[in-house]
Amino acid sequence: MPKIERALISVTDKAGVAELGQTLAALGVEILSTGGTAKSLASAGVPIKEVSDFTGFPEMLDGRVKTLHPKIHGGILAIRSNPTHREAMETHGILPIDLVAVNLYAFENTVSRPGCSLAEAIENIDIGGPTLLRAAAKNYPFVTVICDPADYRLVIEELRASGGSVSLETNFRLAKKVFRLTHHYDGAIAEYLDQHREGHTP
């Protein structure tokens, strides 16, 4: 597998993310990040680039829109061996993103708290996270995707052993884990919303 050159890390659960970032940085990988994750990595001595600086487009709508941008999703979804994709990337200034590490807003934990309102639950429905994960998992032949901090060790060991790449076998296994996660996540949201007869207008 080709060497990973660029990674996007944006996580709710910060456990283990510093070591992942440090490993990637030591291998010369450019790291894109957002918000609290960027601060956490920077405090661990990991050089990062804010996603808003990378895309040239600011976060907005109280953080609802952070990573939903063609420079992010084009970089993840492009088929590297497809000449048409490569041409489009060059035309639009899209750079490949080879590793995505994301975990999701803790929706189930939020709605299990006593007194959680429908409005609070809605705000804890992750949009950008599942979109990033699904895009990366779909393009697993070219992108390593990590949705669970428990998998950082596996990826770190492969990166160190190979000098910066992750095997196709591992990429495929991690991609399957993503689709199991997003299936469960959307199911939990649907189940919660089914408990409410009417919505609301914010």
N, C-alpha and C. Protein backbone atom coordinates (compact mmCIF):
# COMPACT_ATOMS: atom_id res chain seq x y z
N MET A 1 0.85 -1.19 0.00
CA MET A 1 0.00 0.00 0.00
C MET A 1 0.88 1.24 0.00
N PRO A 2 0.42 2.32 -0.66
CA PRO A 2 1.21 3.56 -0.66
C PRO A 2 1.36 4.15 0.74
N LYS A 3 2.38 4.93 0.91
CA LYS A 3 2.63 5.60 2.19
C LYS A 3 1.55 6.66 2.44
N ILE A 4 1.09 6.71 3.66
CA ILE A 4 0.11 7.72 4.05
C ILE A 4 0.81 9.08 4.12
N GLU A 5 0.23 10.05 3.43
CA GLU A 5 0.83 11.38 3.38
C GLU A 5 0.00 12.44 4.11
N ARG A 6 -1.30 12.18 4.21
CA ARG A 6 -2.18 13.20 4.82
C ARG A 6 -3.28 12.48 5.60
N ALA A 7 -3.56 12.98 6.80
CA ALA A 7 -4.57 12.36 7.66
C ALA A 7 -5.53 13.42 8.18
N LEU A 8 -6.75 13.01 8.43
CA LEU A 8 -7.73 13.88 9.08
C LEU A 8 -8.14 13.22 10.39
N ILE A 9 -7.98 13.94 11.49
CA ILE A 9 -8.32 13.41 12.80
C ILE A 9 -9.31 14.37 13.46
N SER A 10 -10.48 13.86 13.81
CA SER A 10 -11.50 14.66 14.48
C SER A 10 -12.32 13.73 15.37
N VAL A 11 -12.03 13.76 16.67
CA VAL A 11 -12.61 12.76 17.56
C VAL A 11 -13.28 13.39 18.77
N THR A 12 -14.36 12.77 19.22
CA THR A 12 -15.01 13.14 20.47
C THR A 12 -14.27 12.52 21.64
N ASP A 13 -13.94 11.24 21.52
CA ASP A 13 -13.17 10.52 22.53
C ASP A 13 -11.68 10.72 22.23
N LYS A 14 -10.99 11.45 23.10
CA LYS A 14 -9.59 11.80 22.86
C LYS A 14 -8.60 10.71 23.32
N ALA A 15 -9.10 9.62 23.89
CA ALA A 15 -8.22 8.57 24.39
C ALA A 15 -7.32 8.05 23.29
N GLY A 16 -6.01 8.09 23.52
CA GLY A 16 -5.04 7.51 22.60
C GLY A 16 -4.75 8.33 21.37
N VAL A 17 -5.45 9.44 21.19
CA VAL A 17 -5.29 10.18 19.93
C VAL A 17 -3.93 10.87 19.85
N ALA A 18 -3.36 11.24 21.00
CA ALA A 18 -2.06 11.91 20.99
C ALA A 18 -0.99 10.99 20.42
N GLU A 19 -0.98 9.71 20.84
CA GLU A 19 0.04 8.78 20.32
C GLU A 19 -0.15 8.55 18.83
N LEU A 20 -1.40 8.44 18.39
CA LEU A 20 -1.66 8.28 16.96
C LEU A 20 -1.10 9.48 16.20
N GLY A 21 -1.42 10.68 16.69
CA GLY A 21 -0.93 11.89 16.04
C GLY A 21 0.58 11.98 16.03
N GLN A 22 1.21 11.63 17.15
CA GLN A 22 2.67 11.68 17.25
C GLN A 22 3.31 10.69 16.28
N THR A 23 2.72 9.50 16.15
CA THR A 23 3.25 8.50 15.23
C THR A 23 3.15 8.99 13.79
N LEU A 24 2.01 9.54 13.43
CA LEU A 24 1.84 10.05 12.08
C LEU A 24 2.80 11.20 11.80
N ALA A 25 2.92 12.12 12.75
CA ALA A 25 3.81 13.27 12.56
C ALA A 25 5.26 12.82 12.39
N ALA A 26 5.67 11.80 13.17
CA ALA A 26 7.04 11.30 13.07
C ALA A 26 7.32 10.69 11.71
N LEU A 27 6.27 10.25 11.03
CA LEU A 27 6.42 9.66 9.70
C LEU A 27 6.24 10.70 8.59
N GLY A 28 6.12 11.96 8.99
CA GLY A 28 6.02 13.03 8.01
C GLY A 28 4.63 13.25 7.43
N VAL A 29 3.61 12.73 8.10
CA VAL A 29 2.24 12.87 7.62
C VAL A 29 1.69 14.23 8.01
N GLU A 30 1.06 14.91 7.05
CA GLU A 30 0.36 16.17 7.36
C GLU A 30 -0.96 15.82 8.05
N ILE A 31 -1.25 16.50 9.16
CA ILE A 31 -2.43 16.17 9.95
C ILE A 31 -3.41 17.33 9.93
N LEU A 32 -4.62 17.06 9.46
CA LEU A 32 -5.72 18.02 9.47
C LEU A 32 -6.60 17.71 10.67
N SER A 33 -7.11 18.76 11.32
CA SER A 33 -7.93 18.52 12.49
C SER A 33 -8.88 19.68 12.72
N THR A 34 -9.78 19.49 13.70
CA THR A 34 -10.79 20.50 14.01
C THR A 34 -10.90 20.68 15.52
N GLY A 35 -11.32 21.87 15.92
CA GLY A 35 -11.76 22.17 17.27
C GLY A 35 -10.92 21.59 18.39
N GLY A 36 -11.62 20.86 19.29
CA GLY A 36 -10.97 20.30 20.47
C GLY A 36 -9.90 19.28 20.15
N THR A 37 -10.07 18.55 19.07
CA THR A 37 -9.06 17.57 18.68
C THR A 37 -7.77 18.28 18.29
N ALA A 38 -7.90 19.37 17.54
CA ALA A 38 -6.72 20.13 17.14
C ALA A 38 -5.98 20.65 18.36
N LYS A 39 -6.71 21.15 19.35
CA LYS A 39 -6.09 21.65 20.57
C LYS A 39 -5.40 20.53 21.34
N SER A 40 -6.06 19.38 21.41
CA SER A 40 -5.49 18.23 22.12
C SER A 40 -4.20 17.76 21.45
N LEU A 41 -4.19 17.67 20.14
CA LEU A 41 -3.00 17.24 19.42
C LEU A 41 -1.88 18.26 19.55
N ALA A 42 -2.23 19.53 19.42
CA ALA A 42 -1.22 20.58 19.53
C ALA A 42 -0.58 20.59 20.91
N SER A 43 -1.38 20.34 21.94
CA SER A 43 -0.83 20.32 23.30
C SER A 43 0.09 19.14 23.53
N ALA A 44 -0.04 18.10 22.68
CA ALA A 44 0.84 16.93 22.75
C ALA A 44 2.04 17.09 21.83
N GLY A 45 2.21 18.29 21.27
CA GLY A 45 3.36 18.55 20.41
C GLY A 45 3.21 18.09 18.98
N VAL A 46 1.97 17.82 18.57
CA VAL A 46 1.73 17.33 17.21
C VAL A 46 1.39 18.52 16.32
N PRO A 47 2.16 18.76 15.25
CA PRO A 47 1.82 19.85 14.33
C PRO A 47 0.56 19.52 13.55
N ILE A 48 -0.37 20.44 13.53
CA ILE A 48 -1.63 20.20 12.82
C ILE A 48 -1.97 21.40 11.94
N LYS A 49 -2.85 21.16 10.99
CA LYS A 49 -3.43 22.24 10.19
C LYS A 49 -4.94 22.19 10.41
N GLU A 50 -5.52 23.32 10.78
CA GLU A 50 -6.97 23.38 10.95
C GLU A 50 -7.65 23.10 9.61
N VAL A 51 -8.74 22.34 9.66
CA VAL A 51 -9.49 22.03 8.45
C VAL A 51 -9.92 23.32 7.75
N SER A 52 -10.32 24.33 8.51
CA SER A 52 -10.76 25.59 7.90
C SER A 52 -9.64 26.27 7.12
N ASP A 53 -8.40 26.12 7.58
CA ASP A 53 -7.26 26.67 6.84
C ASP A 53 -7.00 25.85 5.57
N PHE A 54 -7.21 24.55 5.67
CA PHE A 54 -6.99 23.65 4.53
C PHE A 54 -8.01 23.89 3.42
N THR A 55 -9.27 24.10 3.81
CA THR A 55 -10.33 24.29 2.81
C THR A 55 -10.48 25.75 2.40
N GLY A 56 -10.02 26.66 3.26
CA GLY A 56 -10.25 28.07 3.00
C GLY A 56 -11.67 28.50 3.30
N PHE A 57 -12.37 27.67 4.12
CA PHE A 57 -13.77 27.92 4.42
C PHE A 57 -13.96 27.74 5.92
N PRO A 58 -14.55 28.72 6.63
CA PRO A 58 -14.62 28.63 8.09
C PRO A 58 -15.68 27.64 8.58
N GLU A 59 -15.48 27.16 9.82
CA GLU A 59 -16.56 26.43 10.48
C GLU A 59 -17.72 27.39 10.68
N MET A 60 -18.96 26.86 10.63
CA MET A 60 -20.10 27.75 10.75
C MET A 60 -21.30 27.02 11.34
N LEU A 61 -22.35 27.78 11.57
CA LEU A 61 -23.62 27.26 12.07
C LEU A 61 -23.42 26.51 13.39
N ASP A 62 -22.69 27.16 14.31
CA ASP A 62 -22.43 26.58 15.63
C ASP A 62 -21.75 25.22 15.53
N GLY A 63 -20.87 25.07 14.54
CA GLY A 63 -20.13 23.83 14.40
C GLY A 63 -20.85 22.75 13.61
N ARG A 64 -22.06 23.04 13.14
CA ARG A 64 -22.77 22.03 12.34
C ARG A 64 -22.04 21.75 11.03
N VAL A 65 -21.35 22.74 10.50
CA VAL A 65 -20.61 22.56 9.23
C VAL A 65 -19.13 22.80 9.50
N LYS A 66 -18.37 21.72 9.46
CA LYS A 66 -16.92 21.79 9.68
C LYS A 66 -16.15 21.15 8.52
N THR A 67 -16.52 19.93 8.22
CA THR A 67 -15.73 19.14 7.25
C THR A 67 -16.49 18.85 5.96
N LEU A 68 -17.69 19.38 5.83
CA LEU A 68 -18.49 19.12 4.63
C LEU A 68 -18.04 20.04 3.50
N HIS A 69 -17.00 19.62 2.82
CA HIS A 69 -16.38 20.46 1.79
C HIS A 69 -15.73 19.56 0.74
N PRO A 70 -15.79 19.94 -0.55
CA PRO A 70 -15.20 19.10 -1.61
C PRO A 70 -13.71 18.83 -1.42
N LYS A 71 -12.96 19.76 -0.81
CA LYS A 71 -11.53 19.50 -0.62
C LYS A 71 -11.30 18.40 0.41
N ILE A 72 -12.29 18.19 1.28
CA ILE A 72 -12.20 17.08 2.24
C ILE A 72 -12.72 15.80 1.60
N HIS A 73 -13.95 15.83 1.13
CA HIS A 73 -14.55 14.59 0.64
C HIS A 73 -13.99 14.17 -0.72
N GLY A 74 -13.57 15.13 -1.53
CA GLY A 74 -12.89 14.77 -2.77
C GLY A 74 -11.56 14.09 -2.48
N GLY A 75 -10.85 14.60 -1.46
CA GLY A 75 -9.57 14.02 -1.08
C GLY A 75 -9.70 12.62 -0.52
N ILE A 76 -10.85 12.34 0.12
CA ILE A 76 -11.09 11.00 0.68
C ILE A 76 -11.60 10.04 -0.39
N LEU A 77 -12.54 10.49 -1.21
CA LEU A 77 -13.25 9.58 -2.11
C LEU A 77 -12.56 9.33 -3.45
N ALA A 78 -11.59 10.14 -3.80
CA ALA A 78 -10.95 9.97 -5.11
C ALA A 78 -10.29 8.60 -5.24
N ILE A 79 -10.55 7.96 -6.39
CA ILE A 79 -9.88 6.70 -6.71
C ILE A 79 -8.53 7.05 -7.33
N ARG A 80 -7.48 6.77 -6.59
CA ARG A 80 -6.15 7.24 -6.99
C ARG A 80 -5.69 6.69 -8.33
N SER A 81 -6.19 5.52 -8.71
CA SER A 81 -5.76 4.90 -9.97
C SER A 81 -6.61 5.34 -11.16
N ASN A 82 -7.60 6.20 -10.92
CA ASN A 82 -8.50 6.64 -11.99
C ASN A 82 -8.00 7.96 -12.57
N PRO A 83 -7.58 7.98 -13.83
CA PRO A 83 -7.03 9.22 -14.42
C PRO A 83 -8.01 10.39 -14.39
N THR A 84 -9.30 10.11 -14.56
CA THR A 84 -10.30 11.18 -14.53
C THR A 84 -10.39 11.79 -13.15
N HIS A 85 -10.33 10.95 -12.12
CA HIS A 85 -10.34 11.46 -10.74
C HIS A 85 -9.09 12.30 -10.48
N ARG A 86 -7.95 11.81 -10.93
CA ARG A 86 -6.71 12.55 -10.71
C ARG A 86 -6.75 13.91 -11.42
N GLU A 87 -7.33 13.93 -12.61
CA GLU A 87 -7.43 15.18 -13.36
C GLU A 87 -8.35 16.17 -12.63
N ALA A 88 -9.47 15.66 -12.12
CA ALA A 88 -10.40 16.53 -11.38
C ALA A 88 -9.75 17.08 -10.13
N MET A 89 -8.98 16.25 -9.45
CA MET A 89 -8.29 16.71 -8.24
C MET A 89 -7.31 17.83 -8.58
N GLU A 90 -6.57 17.65 -9.66
CA GLU A 90 -5.59 18.67 -10.05
C GLU A 90 -6.30 19.97 -10.45
N THR A 91 -7.39 19.83 -11.19
CA THR A 91 -8.13 21.01 -11.64
C THR A 91 -8.66 21.83 -10.48
N HIS A 92 -9.13 21.14 -9.44
CA HIS A 92 -9.80 21.82 -8.33
C HIS A 92 -8.93 21.96 -7.09
N GLY A 93 -7.67 21.63 -7.21
CA GLY A 93 -6.76 21.78 -6.08
C GLY A 93 -7.08 20.88 -4.91
N ILE A 94 -7.50 19.66 -5.20
CA ILE A 94 -7.86 18.69 -4.16
C ILE A 94 -6.67 17.77 -3.90
N LEU A 95 -6.28 17.68 -2.64
CA LEU A 95 -5.17 16.82 -2.24
C LEU A 95 -5.71 15.55 -1.59
N PRO A 96 -5.06 14.40 -1.80
CA PRO A 96 -5.56 13.16 -1.22
C PRO A 96 -5.46 13.13 0.30
N ILE A 97 -6.45 12.54 0.93
CA ILE A 97 -6.46 12.29 2.38
C ILE A 97 -6.46 10.78 2.54
N ASP A 98 -5.42 10.26 3.15
CA ASP A 98 -5.15 8.82 3.14
C ASP A 98 -5.54 8.10 4.43
N LEU A 99 -5.81 8.85 5.49
CA LEU A 99 -6.22 8.24 6.76
C LEU A 99 -7.25 9.16 7.40
N VAL A 100 -8.32 8.55 7.89
CA VAL A 100 -9.37 9.29 8.59
C VAL A 100 -9.62 8.63 9.94
N ALA A 101 -9.45 9.39 11.01
CA ALA A 101 -9.73 8.89 12.35
C ALA A 101 -10.83 9.77 12.95
N VAL A 102 -11.99 9.19 13.13
CA VAL A 102 -13.16 9.94 13.60
C VAL A 102 -13.94 9.04 14.55
N ASN A 103 -14.41 9.59 15.66
CA ASN A 103 -15.47 8.92 16.40
C ASN A 103 -16.61 9.89 16.64
N LEU A 104 -17.77 9.36 16.94
CA LEU A 104 -19.01 10.12 16.81
C LEU A 104 -19.49 10.71 18.13
N TYR A 105 -20.33 11.76 18.00
CA TYR A 105 -21.01 12.31 19.18
C TYR A 105 -21.70 11.15 19.90
N ALA A 106 -21.64 11.17 21.22
CA ALA A 106 -22.20 10.08 22.02
C ALA A 106 -23.72 10.23 22.14
N PHE A 107 -24.42 9.97 21.06
CA PHE A 107 -25.87 10.18 21.02
C PHE A 107 -26.58 9.35 22.08
N GLU A 108 -26.26 8.07 22.17
CA GLU A 108 -26.97 7.20 23.12
C GLU A 108 -26.72 7.62 24.56
N ASN A 109 -25.51 8.06 24.87
CA ASN A 109 -25.24 8.54 26.23
C ASN A 109 -26.03 9.80 26.52
N THR A 110 -26.15 10.68 25.53
CA THR A 110 -26.89 11.92 25.70
C THR A 110 -28.35 11.65 26.01
N VAL A 111 -29.00 10.81 25.19
CA VAL A 111 -30.44 10.59 25.36
C VAL A 111 -30.76 9.72 26.57
N SER A 112 -29.76 9.04 27.13
CA SER A 112 -30.00 8.23 28.33
C SER A 112 -30.00 9.06 29.60
N ARG A 113 -29.55 10.33 29.50
CA ARG A 113 -29.52 11.19 30.68
C ARG A 113 -30.93 11.64 31.05
N PRO A 114 -31.29 11.61 32.33
CA PRO A 114 -32.61 12.08 32.73
C PRO A 114 -32.83 13.53 32.31
N GLY A 115 -33.99 13.81 31.77
CA GLY A 115 -34.33 15.18 31.40
C GLY A 115 -33.81 15.62 30.06
N CYS A 116 -33.19 14.73 29.31
CA CYS A 116 -32.69 15.12 27.98
C CYS A 116 -33.87 15.51 27.09
N SER A 117 -33.80 16.69 26.52
CA SER A 117 -34.88 17.17 25.66
C SER A 117 -34.68 16.69 24.23
N LEU A 118 -35.76 16.76 23.46
CA LEU A 118 -35.66 16.41 22.04
C LEU A 118 -34.68 17.33 21.34
N ALA A 119 -34.72 18.63 21.68
CA ALA A 119 -33.81 19.58 21.04
C ALA A 119 -32.35 19.24 21.33
N GLU A 120 -32.06 18.84 22.58
CA GLU A 120 -30.69 18.46 22.94
C GLU A 120 -30.28 17.19 22.20
N ALA A 121 -31.19 16.26 22.09
CA ALA A 121 -30.89 15.02 21.36
C ALA A 121 -30.58 15.31 19.90
N ILE A 122 -31.37 16.18 19.29
CA ILE A 122 -31.16 16.52 17.88
C ILE A 122 -29.77 17.12 17.66
N GLU A 123 -29.35 17.98 18.58
CA GLU A 123 -28.03 18.62 18.43
C GLU A 123 -26.90 17.62 18.60
N ASN A 124 -27.18 16.46 19.17
CA ASN A 124 -26.15 15.44 19.35
C ASN A 124 -26.23 14.34 18.30
N ILE A 125 -26.93 14.62 17.21
CA ILE A 125 -26.89 13.74 16.04
C ILE A 125 -25.71 14.18 15.19
N ASP A 126 -24.73 13.32 15.08
CA ASP A 126 -23.52 13.64 14.32
C ASP A 126 -23.79 13.52 12.82
N ILE A 127 -23.41 14.54 12.07
CA ILE A 127 -23.59 14.54 10.63
C ILE A 127 -22.24 14.38 9.92
N GLY A 128 -21.30 15.27 10.24
CA GLY A 128 -20.01 15.23 9.58
C GLY A 128 -19.25 13.94 9.85
N GLY A 129 -19.32 13.45 11.10
CA GLY A 129 -18.58 12.24 11.47
C GLY A 129 -18.96 11.03 10.65
N PRO A 130 -20.26 10.63 10.63
CA PRO A 130 -20.65 9.49 9.81
C PRO A 130 -20.35 9.68 8.33
N THR A 131 -20.46 10.92 7.85
CA THR A 131 -20.18 11.19 6.44
C THR A 131 -18.71 10.93 6.13
N LEU A 132 -17.82 11.42 6.99
CA LEU A 132 -16.40 11.16 6.82
C LEU A 132 -16.09 9.68 6.89
N LEU A 133 -16.65 9.00 7.88
CA LEU A 133 -16.37 7.59 8.07
C LEU A 133 -16.86 6.76 6.88
N ARG A 134 -18.06 7.03 6.42
CA ARG A 134 -18.61 6.26 5.31
C ARG A 134 -17.82 6.50 4.02
N ALA A 135 -17.43 7.76 3.81
CA ALA A 135 -16.64 8.06 2.61
C ALA A 135 -15.31 7.31 2.64
N ALA A 136 -14.64 7.35 3.79
CA ALA A 136 -13.34 6.68 3.91
C ALA A 136 -13.49 5.17 3.79
N ALA A 137 -14.54 4.62 4.41
CA ALA A 137 -14.75 3.17 4.36
C ALA A 137 -15.08 2.72 2.94
N LYS A 138 -15.85 3.52 2.21
CA LYS A 138 -16.16 3.18 0.82
C LYS A 138 -14.89 3.11 -0.01
N ASN A 139 -13.93 3.95 0.30
CA ASN A 139 -12.70 4.01 -0.50
C ASN A 139 -11.54 3.30 0.20
N TYR A 140 -11.86 2.20 0.90
CA TYR A 140 -10.86 1.51 1.71
C TYR A 140 -9.63 1.03 0.95
N PRO A 141 -9.69 0.79 -0.38
CA PRO A 141 -8.44 0.40 -1.04
C PRO A 141 -7.36 1.48 -0.99
N PHE A 142 -7.79 2.72 -0.73
CA PHE A 142 -6.85 3.83 -0.74
C PHE A 142 -6.80 4.60 0.59
N VAL A 143 -7.77 4.34 1.48
CA VAL A 143 -7.89 5.14 2.70
C VAL A 143 -8.02 4.23 3.92
N THR A 144 -7.24 4.52 4.94
CA THR A 144 -7.36 3.84 6.23
C THR A 144 -8.35 4.62 7.08
N VAL A 145 -9.34 3.93 7.63
CA VAL A 145 -10.36 4.61 8.44
C VAL A 145 -10.41 3.98 9.83
N ILE A 146 -10.42 4.83 10.85
CA ILE A 146 -10.44 4.35 12.24
C ILE A 146 -11.60 5.02 12.96
N CYS A 147 -12.57 4.21 13.41
CA CYS A 147 -13.72 4.75 14.12
C CYS A 147 -13.70 4.40 15.60
N ASP A 148 -12.72 3.61 16.03
CA ASP A 148 -12.66 3.11 17.41
C ASP A 148 -11.24 3.30 17.94
N PRO A 149 -11.08 4.05 19.05
CA PRO A 149 -9.74 4.23 19.62
C PRO A 149 -9.02 2.92 19.93
N ALA A 150 -9.78 1.84 20.13
CA ALA A 150 -9.17 0.54 20.41
C ALA A 150 -8.34 0.03 19.23
N ASP A 151 -8.57 0.60 18.05
CA ASP A 151 -7.83 0.18 16.86
C ASP A 151 -6.59 1.02 16.59
N TYR A 152 -6.34 2.05 17.39
CA TYR A 152 -5.16 2.88 17.16
C TYR A 152 -3.88 2.06 17.25
N ARG A 153 -3.82 1.16 18.23
CA ARG A 153 -2.60 0.38 18.43
C ARG A 153 -2.27 -0.45 17.20
N LEU A 154 -3.27 -1.11 16.63
CA LEU A 154 -3.06 -1.92 15.43
C LEU A 154 -2.49 -1.06 14.30
N VAL A 155 -3.08 0.09 14.07
CA VAL A 155 -2.64 0.96 12.99
C VAL A 155 -1.25 1.52 13.27
N ILE A 156 -1.02 1.93 14.50
CA ILE A 156 0.30 2.46 14.87
C ILE A 156 1.39 1.42 14.62
N GLU A 157 1.14 0.18 15.01
CA GLU A 157 2.14 -0.87 14.82
C GLU A 157 2.41 -1.12 13.34
N GLU A 158 1.36 -1.12 12.52
CA GLU A 158 1.57 -1.31 11.07
C GLU A 158 2.32 -0.13 10.46
N LEU A 159 1.95 1.07 10.88
CA LEU A 159 2.64 2.26 10.36
C LEU A 159 4.13 2.21 10.68
N ARG A 160 4.46 1.85 11.91
CA ARG A 160 5.86 1.81 12.33
C ARG A 160 6.61 0.69 11.62
N ALA A 161 5.97 -0.46 11.47
CA ALA A 161 6.64 -1.61 10.84
C ALA A 161 6.88 -1.40 9.36
N SER A 162 5.96 -0.68 8.71
CA SER A 162 6.03 -0.53 7.26
C SER A 162 6.68 0.78 6.82
N GLY A 163 6.90 1.67 7.78
CA GLY A 163 7.45 2.97 7.42
C GLY A 163 6.41 3.96 6.92
N GLY A 164 5.12 3.67 7.23
CA GLY A 164 4.10 4.67 6.91
C GLY A 164 2.90 4.21 6.13
N SER A 165 2.69 2.90 5.98
CA SER A 165 1.52 2.43 5.24
C SER A 165 0.75 1.40 6.07
N VAL A 166 -0.49 1.15 5.66
CA VAL A 166 -1.36 0.18 6.32
C VAL A 166 -1.83 -0.80 5.27
N SER A 167 -1.91 -2.07 5.62
CA SER A 167 -2.23 -3.10 4.64
C SER A 167 -3.68 -3.01 4.16
N LEU A 168 -3.93 -3.50 2.97
CA LEU A 168 -5.28 -3.56 2.42
C LEU A 168 -6.17 -4.43 3.31
N GLU A 169 -5.63 -5.52 3.83
CA GLU A 169 -6.40 -6.40 4.71
C GLU A 169 -6.91 -5.63 5.93
N THR A 170 -6.03 -4.85 6.54
CA THR A 170 -6.44 -4.06 7.70
C THR A 170 -7.45 -2.99 7.31
N ASN A 171 -7.20 -2.32 6.19
CA ASN A 171 -8.14 -1.30 5.72
C ASN A 171 -9.54 -1.87 5.53
N PHE A 172 -9.62 -3.07 4.96
CA PHE A 172 -10.92 -3.69 4.71
C PHE A 172 -11.62 -4.03 6.03
N ARG A 173 -10.84 -4.56 6.96
CA ARG A 173 -11.42 -4.90 8.27
C ARG A 173 -11.95 -3.66 8.98
N LEU A 174 -11.19 -2.58 8.93
CA LEU A 174 -11.61 -1.35 9.58
C LEU A 174 -12.82 -0.73 8.88
N ALA A 175 -12.88 -0.86 7.55
CA ALA A 175 -14.03 -0.34 6.80
C ALA A 175 -15.31 -1.07 7.19
N LYS A 176 -15.25 -2.38 7.34
CA LYS A 176 -16.44 -3.13 7.74
C LYS A 176 -16.92 -2.69 9.11
N LYS A 177 -15.97 -2.38 9.98
CA LYS A 177 -16.33 -1.93 11.34
C LYS A 177 -17.09 -0.60 11.28
N VAL A 178 -16.69 0.26 10.36
CA VAL A 178 -17.38 1.55 10.19
C VAL A 178 -18.84 1.34 9.84
N PHE A 179 -19.12 0.48 8.87
CA PHE A 179 -20.52 0.31 8.46
C PHE A 179 -21.36 -0.36 9.54
N ARG A 180 -20.74 -1.21 10.35
CA ARG A 180 -21.48 -1.76 11.49
C ARG A 180 -21.80 -0.64 12.49
N LEU A 181 -20.84 0.26 12.70
CA LEU A 181 -21.05 1.37 13.64
C LEU A 181 -22.14 2.31 13.14
N THR A 182 -22.06 2.74 11.88
CA THR A 182 -23.04 3.71 11.40
C THR A 182 -24.44 3.10 11.31
N HIS A 183 -24.51 1.79 11.04
CA HIS A 183 -25.80 1.10 11.06
C HIS A 183 -26.40 1.17 12.45
N HIS A 184 -25.61 0.87 13.46
CA HIS A 184 -26.09 0.92 14.85
C HIS A 184 -26.45 2.34 15.25
N TYR A 185 -25.61 3.29 14.87
CA TYR A 185 -25.80 4.70 15.25
C TYR A 185 -27.12 5.23 14.69
N ASP A 186 -27.37 5.02 13.41
CA ASP A 186 -28.62 5.49 12.81
C ASP A 186 -29.82 4.75 13.40
N GLY A 187 -29.63 3.48 13.73
CA GLY A 187 -30.72 2.73 14.36
C GLY A 187 -31.10 3.29 15.71
N ALA A 188 -30.08 3.70 16.49
CA ALA A 188 -30.34 4.29 17.80
C ALA A 188 -31.09 5.61 17.67
N ILE A 189 -30.73 6.41 16.66
CA ILE A 189 -31.42 7.68 16.44
C ILE A 189 -32.87 7.42 16.05
N ALA A 190 -33.09 6.51 15.11
CA ALA A 190 -34.45 6.21 14.67
C ALA A 190 -35.30 5.69 15.82
N GLU A 191 -34.72 4.83 16.65
CA GLU A 191 -35.45 4.28 17.79
C GLU A 191 -35.84 5.38 18.77
N TYR A 192 -34.91 6.30 19.02
CA TYR A 192 -35.21 7.40 19.93
C TYR A 192 -36.31 8.29 19.37
N LEU A 193 -36.20 8.66 18.10
CA LEU A 193 -37.19 9.55 17.50
C LEU A 193 -38.57 8.91 17.43
N ASP A 194 -38.61 7.59 17.30
CA ASP A 194 -39.90 6.89 17.27
C ASP A 194 -40.66 7.03 18.59
N GLN A 195 -39.95 7.39 19.65
CA GLN A 195 -40.60 7.56 20.95
C GLN A 195 -41.33 8.91 21.06
N HIS A 196 -41.13 9.76 20.06
CA HIS A 196 -41.73 11.10 20.08
C HIS A 196 -42.76 11.21 18.96
N ARG A 197 -43.98 11.54 19.33
CA ARG A 197 -45.05 11.61 18.34
C ARG A 197 -44.89 12.81 17.43
N GLU A 198 -44.38 13.91 17.98
CA GLU A 198 -44.27 15.13 17.20
C GLU A 198 -42.88 15.70 17.34
N GLY A 199 -42.43 16.36 16.28
CA GLY A 199 -41.15 17.05 16.35
C GLY A 199 -41.35 18.45 16.92
N HIS A 200 -40.42 19.30 16.64
CA HIS A 200 -40.54 20.69 17.13
C HIS A 200 -39.86 21.60 16.13
N THR A 201 -40.17 22.85 16.19
CA THR A 201 -39.51 23.84 15.36
C THR A 201 -38.56 24.65 16.21
N PRO A 202 -37.25 24.58 15.96
CA PRO A 202 -36.29 25.31 16.79
C PRO A 202 -36.53 26.83 16.71
